[in-house]
Amino acid sequence: MSLAASLLLPVLLALSPHDPVRGLEGGSRQQEAVRQAVRQGRLVPLQQVVADALRRYPGQLVEVELDDGTYEIEILGANGVVMALDYDAATGRLLKMEEE
């Protein structure tokens, strides 16, 4: 598996409408709770903040997490620098952008 594929696989699995990690305790319940929050408008869709992050810092998406109401996105730029961007998950507002 290429480096790019291995880095994007967790993101693609998280965005999948199917739950490939159903056997992991709590995983499917947490994912469904996030999907429901997006449907109800309590969280902005991940795709929205990823698109904004890539506009601000073009490169390769390395990691995406939802932690305590914050989308944490890491992008590897063409210059080899990883940039971390934190977004408020409820509003989609950029909170912080810093080099890793």
N, C-alpha and C. Protein backbone atom coordinates (compact mmCIF):
# COMPACT_ATOMS: atom_id res chain seq x y z
N MET A 1 0.87 -1.18 0.00
CA MET A 1 0.00 0.00 0.00
C MET A 1 0.90 1.22 0.00
N SER A 2 0.58 2.21 -0.83
CA SER A 2 1.38 3.43 -0.90
C SER A 2 1.18 4.27 0.36
N LEU A 3 2.14 5.18 0.59
CA LEU A 3 2.04 6.07 1.75
C LEU A 3 0.77 6.89 1.68
N ALA A 4 0.46 7.42 0.50
CA ALA A 4 -0.75 8.24 0.35
C ALA A 4 -2.00 7.43 0.70
N ALA A 5 -2.06 6.20 0.22
CA ALA A 5 -3.24 5.37 0.49
C ALA A 5 -3.33 5.05 1.98
N SER A 6 -2.20 4.76 2.61
CA SER A 6 -2.26 4.42 4.02
C SER A 6 -2.63 5.62 4.89
N LEU A 7 -2.30 6.83 4.43
CA LEU A 7 -2.66 8.02 5.19
C LEU A 7 -4.12 8.41 4.99
N LEU A 8 -4.65 8.17 3.81
CA LEU A 8 -6.02 8.57 3.52
C LEU A 8 -7.05 7.52 3.92
N LEU A 9 -6.63 6.29 4.09
CA LEU A 9 -7.57 5.23 4.41
C LEU A 9 -8.41 5.53 5.65
N PRO A 10 -7.81 5.99 6.77
CA PRO A 10 -8.66 6.29 7.94
C PRO A 10 -9.71 7.37 7.67
N VAL A 11 -9.35 8.36 6.85
CA VAL A 11 -10.29 9.44 6.52
C VAL A 11 -11.43 8.88 5.68
N LEU A 12 -11.08 8.09 4.66
CA LEU A 12 -12.11 7.53 3.79
C LEU A 12 -13.04 6.61 4.57
N LEU A 13 -12.48 5.83 5.49
CA LEU A 13 -13.34 4.96 6.29
C LEU A 13 -14.28 5.76 7.18
N ALA A 14 -13.78 6.86 7.72
CA ALA A 14 -14.62 7.70 8.58
C ALA A 14 -15.75 8.35 7.80
N LEU A 15 -15.50 8.65 6.51
CA LEU A 15 -16.51 9.31 5.70
C LEU A 15 -17.48 8.32 5.04
N SER A 16 -17.15 7.04 5.11
CA SER A 16 -17.95 6.02 4.47
C SER A 16 -19.34 5.92 5.10
N PRO A 17 -20.37 5.73 4.27
CA PRO A 17 -21.71 5.56 4.83
C PRO A 17 -21.86 4.20 5.52
N HIS A 18 -20.96 3.27 5.23
CA HIS A 18 -20.98 1.96 5.87
C HIS A 18 -20.00 1.99 7.02
N ASP A 19 -20.20 1.16 7.99
CA ASP A 19 -19.35 1.15 9.17
C ASP A 19 -18.42 -0.06 9.15
N PRO A 20 -17.19 0.09 8.63
CA PRO A 20 -16.28 -1.04 8.53
C PRO A 20 -15.70 -1.48 9.87
N VAL A 21 -15.89 -0.68 10.90
CA VAL A 21 -15.34 -1.03 12.21
C VAL A 21 -16.45 -1.36 13.21
N ARG A 22 -17.52 -1.92 12.70
CA ARG A 22 -18.66 -2.23 13.56
C ARG A 22 -18.28 -3.09 14.75
N GLY A 23 -17.28 -3.95 14.58
CA GLY A 23 -16.87 -4.84 15.66
C GLY A 23 -16.14 -4.13 16.78
N LEU A 24 -15.67 -2.92 16.57
CA LEU A 24 -14.96 -2.21 17.62
C LEU A 24 -15.96 -1.60 18.59
N GLU A 25 -15.75 -1.85 19.85
CA GLU A 25 -16.70 -1.40 20.87
C GLU A 25 -16.88 0.10 20.84
N GLY A 26 -18.10 0.55 20.69
CA GLY A 26 -18.42 1.97 20.73
C GLY A 26 -18.18 2.69 19.42
N GLY A 27 -17.39 2.12 18.53
CA GLY A 27 -17.03 2.81 17.29
C GLY A 27 -18.24 3.17 16.45
N SER A 28 -19.12 2.21 16.21
CA SER A 28 -20.27 2.49 15.35
C SER A 28 -21.25 3.44 16.03
N ARG A 29 -21.39 3.34 17.34
CA ARG A 29 -22.29 4.25 18.06
C ARG A 29 -21.77 5.69 17.99
N GLN A 30 -20.47 5.86 18.17
CA GLN A 30 -19.89 7.20 18.10
C GLN A 30 -20.03 7.79 16.70
N GLN A 31 -19.75 6.97 15.69
CA GLN A 31 -19.87 7.45 14.32
C GLN A 31 -21.31 7.83 14.00
N GLU A 32 -22.25 7.02 14.44
CA GLU A 32 -23.66 7.33 14.18
C GLU A 32 -24.07 8.60 14.91
N ALA A 33 -23.57 8.80 16.12
CA ALA A 33 -23.89 10.02 16.87
C ALA A 33 -23.37 11.26 16.13
N VAL A 34 -22.19 11.16 15.54
CA VAL A 34 -21.64 12.28 14.77
C VAL A 34 -22.47 12.52 13.52
N ARG A 35 -22.80 11.45 12.81
CA ARG A 35 -23.64 11.59 11.60
C ARG A 35 -24.98 12.25 11.94
N GLN A 36 -25.57 11.85 13.05
CA GLN A 36 -26.85 12.42 13.47
C GLN A 36 -26.68 13.91 13.81
N ALA A 37 -25.60 14.26 14.48
CA ALA A 37 -25.34 15.67 14.82
C ALA A 37 -25.18 16.51 13.56
N VAL A 38 -24.56 15.95 12.53
CA VAL A 38 -24.43 16.67 11.25
C VAL A 38 -25.80 16.82 10.61
N ARG A 39 -26.58 15.75 10.59
CA ARG A 39 -27.94 15.82 10.00
C ARG A 39 -28.80 16.85 10.72
N GLN A 40 -28.65 16.97 12.03
CA GLN A 40 -29.44 17.91 12.83
C GLN A 40 -28.89 19.33 12.80
N GLY A 41 -27.74 19.51 12.17
CA GLY A 41 -27.15 20.84 12.08
C GLY A 41 -26.36 21.26 13.31
N ARG A 42 -26.09 20.33 14.22
CA ARG A 42 -25.31 20.66 15.42
C ARG A 42 -23.81 20.65 15.12
N LEU A 43 -23.40 19.94 14.08
CA LEU A 43 -22.02 19.93 13.61
C LEU A 43 -22.01 20.21 12.12
N VAL A 44 -20.97 20.90 11.65
CA VAL A 44 -20.84 21.11 10.21
C VAL A 44 -20.25 19.83 9.60
N PRO A 45 -20.55 19.56 8.34
CA PRO A 45 -19.99 18.36 7.71
C PRO A 45 -18.46 18.44 7.62
N LEU A 46 -17.83 17.32 7.82
CA LEU A 46 -16.38 17.24 7.75
C LEU A 46 -15.88 17.71 6.39
N GLN A 47 -16.57 17.36 5.33
CA GLN A 47 -16.14 17.74 3.98
C GLN A 47 -16.00 19.25 3.86
N GLN A 48 -16.84 19.99 4.53
CA GLN A 48 -16.82 21.45 4.47
C GLN A 48 -15.52 22.00 5.06
N VAL A 49 -15.12 21.50 6.21
CA VAL A 49 -13.89 22.02 6.84
C VAL A 49 -12.64 21.49 6.13
N VAL A 50 -12.69 20.27 5.62
CA VAL A 50 -11.54 19.75 4.87
C VAL A 50 -11.33 20.59 3.61
N ALA A 51 -12.39 20.92 2.91
CA ALA A 51 -12.27 21.76 1.71
C ALA A 51 -11.68 23.11 2.06
N ASP A 52 -12.13 23.71 3.15
CA ASP A 52 -11.59 25.01 3.56
C ASP A 52 -10.11 24.89 3.94
N ALA A 53 -9.76 23.85 4.67
CA ALA A 53 -8.37 23.64 5.08
C ALA A 53 -7.46 23.48 3.87
N LEU A 54 -7.90 22.73 2.87
CA LEU A 54 -7.08 22.52 1.67
C LEU A 54 -6.99 23.80 0.83
N ARG A 55 -7.99 24.66 0.89
CA ARG A 55 -7.90 25.96 0.21
C ARG A 55 -6.85 26.84 0.90
N ARG A 56 -6.86 26.81 2.21
CA ARG A 56 -5.93 27.63 2.98
C ARG A 56 -4.50 27.12 2.90
N TYR A 57 -4.34 25.80 2.87
CA TYR A 57 -3.02 25.19 2.88
C TYR A 57 -3.05 23.98 1.94
N PRO A 58 -2.82 24.22 0.64
CA PRO A 58 -2.87 23.12 -0.33
C PRO A 58 -1.83 22.05 -0.01
N GLY A 59 -2.23 20.82 -0.19
CA GLY A 59 -1.33 19.70 0.05
C GLY A 59 -2.09 18.41 0.14
N GLN A 60 -1.50 17.47 0.86
CA GLN A 60 -2.09 16.14 1.01
C GLN A 60 -2.67 16.00 2.42
N LEU A 61 -3.92 15.62 2.47
CA LEU A 61 -4.58 15.39 3.75
C LEU A 61 -3.92 14.22 4.45
N VAL A 62 -3.48 14.43 5.70
CA VAL A 62 -2.75 13.41 6.44
C VAL A 62 -3.61 12.80 7.53
N GLU A 63 -4.32 13.65 8.26
CA GLU A 63 -5.10 13.14 9.40
C GLU A 63 -6.28 14.05 9.68
N VAL A 64 -7.37 13.44 10.11
CA VAL A 64 -8.56 14.19 10.53
C VAL A 64 -9.09 13.54 11.80
N GLU A 65 -9.38 14.36 12.79
CA GLU A 65 -9.97 13.87 14.04
C GLU A 65 -11.07 14.81 14.48
N LEU A 66 -12.03 14.27 15.20
CA LEU A 66 -13.04 15.08 15.89
C LEU A 66 -12.80 14.85 17.37
N ASP A 67 -12.37 15.91 18.06
CA ASP A 67 -12.01 15.77 19.46
C ASP A 67 -12.58 16.94 20.25
N ASP A 68 -13.47 16.64 21.17
CA ASP A 68 -14.03 17.66 22.06
C ASP A 68 -14.63 18.85 21.30
N GLY A 69 -15.40 18.56 20.26
CA GLY A 69 -16.06 19.63 19.51
C GLY A 69 -15.15 20.37 18.54
N THR A 70 -13.97 19.82 18.27
CA THR A 70 -13.02 20.45 17.36
C THR A 70 -12.59 19.46 16.30
N TYR A 71 -12.71 19.87 15.02
CA TYR A 71 -12.13 19.08 13.95
C TYR A 71 -10.65 19.44 13.90
N GLU A 72 -9.79 18.43 14.00
CA GLU A 72 -8.35 18.64 13.93
C GLU A 72 -7.87 18.04 12.61
N ILE A 73 -7.33 18.88 11.75
CA ILE A 73 -6.94 18.47 10.41
C ILE A 73 -5.45 18.72 10.23
N GLU A 74 -4.75 17.73 9.67
CA GLU A 74 -3.35 17.88 9.36
C GLU A 74 -3.14 17.69 7.87
N ILE A 75 -2.37 18.61 7.28
CA ILE A 75 -2.10 18.59 5.85
C ILE A 75 -0.59 18.66 5.64
N LEU A 76 -0.08 17.79 4.77
CA LEU A 76 1.33 17.82 4.38
C LEU A 76 1.45 18.69 3.14
N GLY A 77 2.14 19.83 3.29
CA GLY A 77 2.31 20.74 2.17
C GLY A 77 3.40 20.28 1.22
N ALA A 78 3.44 20.88 0.04
CA ALA A 78 4.44 20.54 -0.97
C ALA A 78 5.86 20.81 -0.46
N ASN A 79 5.98 21.70 0.51
CA ASN A 79 7.28 22.05 1.09
C ASN A 79 7.73 21.06 2.16
N GLY A 80 6.92 20.02 2.42
CA GLY A 80 7.27 19.01 3.39
C GLY A 80 6.86 19.34 4.82
N VAL A 81 6.20 20.47 4.99
CA VAL A 81 5.76 20.89 6.33
C VAL A 81 4.33 20.44 6.57
N VAL A 82 4.08 19.89 7.76
CA VAL A 82 2.73 19.50 8.14
C VAL A 82 2.09 20.68 8.88
N MET A 83 0.93 21.08 8.40
CA MET A 83 0.18 22.18 9.00
C MET A 83 -1.04 21.59 9.72
N ALA A 84 -1.23 22.01 10.96
CA ALA A 84 -2.40 21.57 11.74
C ALA A 84 -3.41 22.71 11.77
N LEU A 85 -4.63 22.40 11.40
CA LEU A 85 -5.71 23.38 11.41
C LEU A 85 -6.82 22.86 12.31
N ASP A 86 -7.26 23.66 13.25
CA ASP A 86 -8.34 23.29 14.16
C ASP A 86 -9.57 24.14 13.84
N TYR A 87 -10.72 23.47 13.72
CA TYR A 87 -11.98 24.14 13.39
C TYR A 87 -13.01 23.84 14.46
N ASP A 88 -13.82 24.81 14.78
CA ASP A 88 -14.97 24.59 15.65
C ASP A 88 -15.94 23.70 14.88
N ALA A 89 -16.25 22.53 15.42
CA ALA A 89 -17.09 21.57 14.70
C ALA A 89 -18.54 22.04 14.59
N ALA A 90 -18.98 22.92 15.46
CA ALA A 90 -20.36 23.40 15.42
C ALA A 90 -20.55 24.52 14.40
N THR A 91 -19.52 25.35 14.23
CA THR A 91 -19.66 26.52 13.35
C THR A 91 -18.83 26.44 12.08
N GLY A 92 -17.80 25.62 12.09
CA GLY A 92 -16.89 25.54 10.95
C GLY A 92 -15.85 26.64 10.95
N ARG A 93 -15.80 27.44 12.01
CA ARG A 93 -14.85 28.55 12.08
C ARG A 93 -13.45 28.03 12.39
N LEU A 94 -12.45 28.57 11.66
CA LEU A 94 -11.05 28.21 11.91
C LEU A 94 -10.64 28.78 13.26
N LEU A 95 -10.14 27.92 14.13
CA LEU A 95 -9.72 28.34 15.46
C LEU A 95 -8.21 28.58 15.55
N LYS A 96 -7.47 27.72 14.87
CA LYS A 96 -6.02 27.78 15.00
C LYS A 96 -5.38 27.11 13.80
N MET A 97 -4.24 27.67 13.37
CA MET A 97 -3.47 27.08 12.27
C MET A 97 -2.01 27.20 12.65
N GLU A 98 -1.32 26.05 12.76
CA GLU A 98 0.08 26.10 13.15
C GLU A 98 0.86 24.94 12.53
N GLU A 99 2.17 25.17 12.36
CA GLU A 99 3.04 24.12 11.84
C GLU A 99 3.25 23.08 12.92
N GLU A 100 3.29 21.83 12.49
CA GLU A 100 3.56 20.72 13.42
C GLU A 100 5.03 20.54 13.57
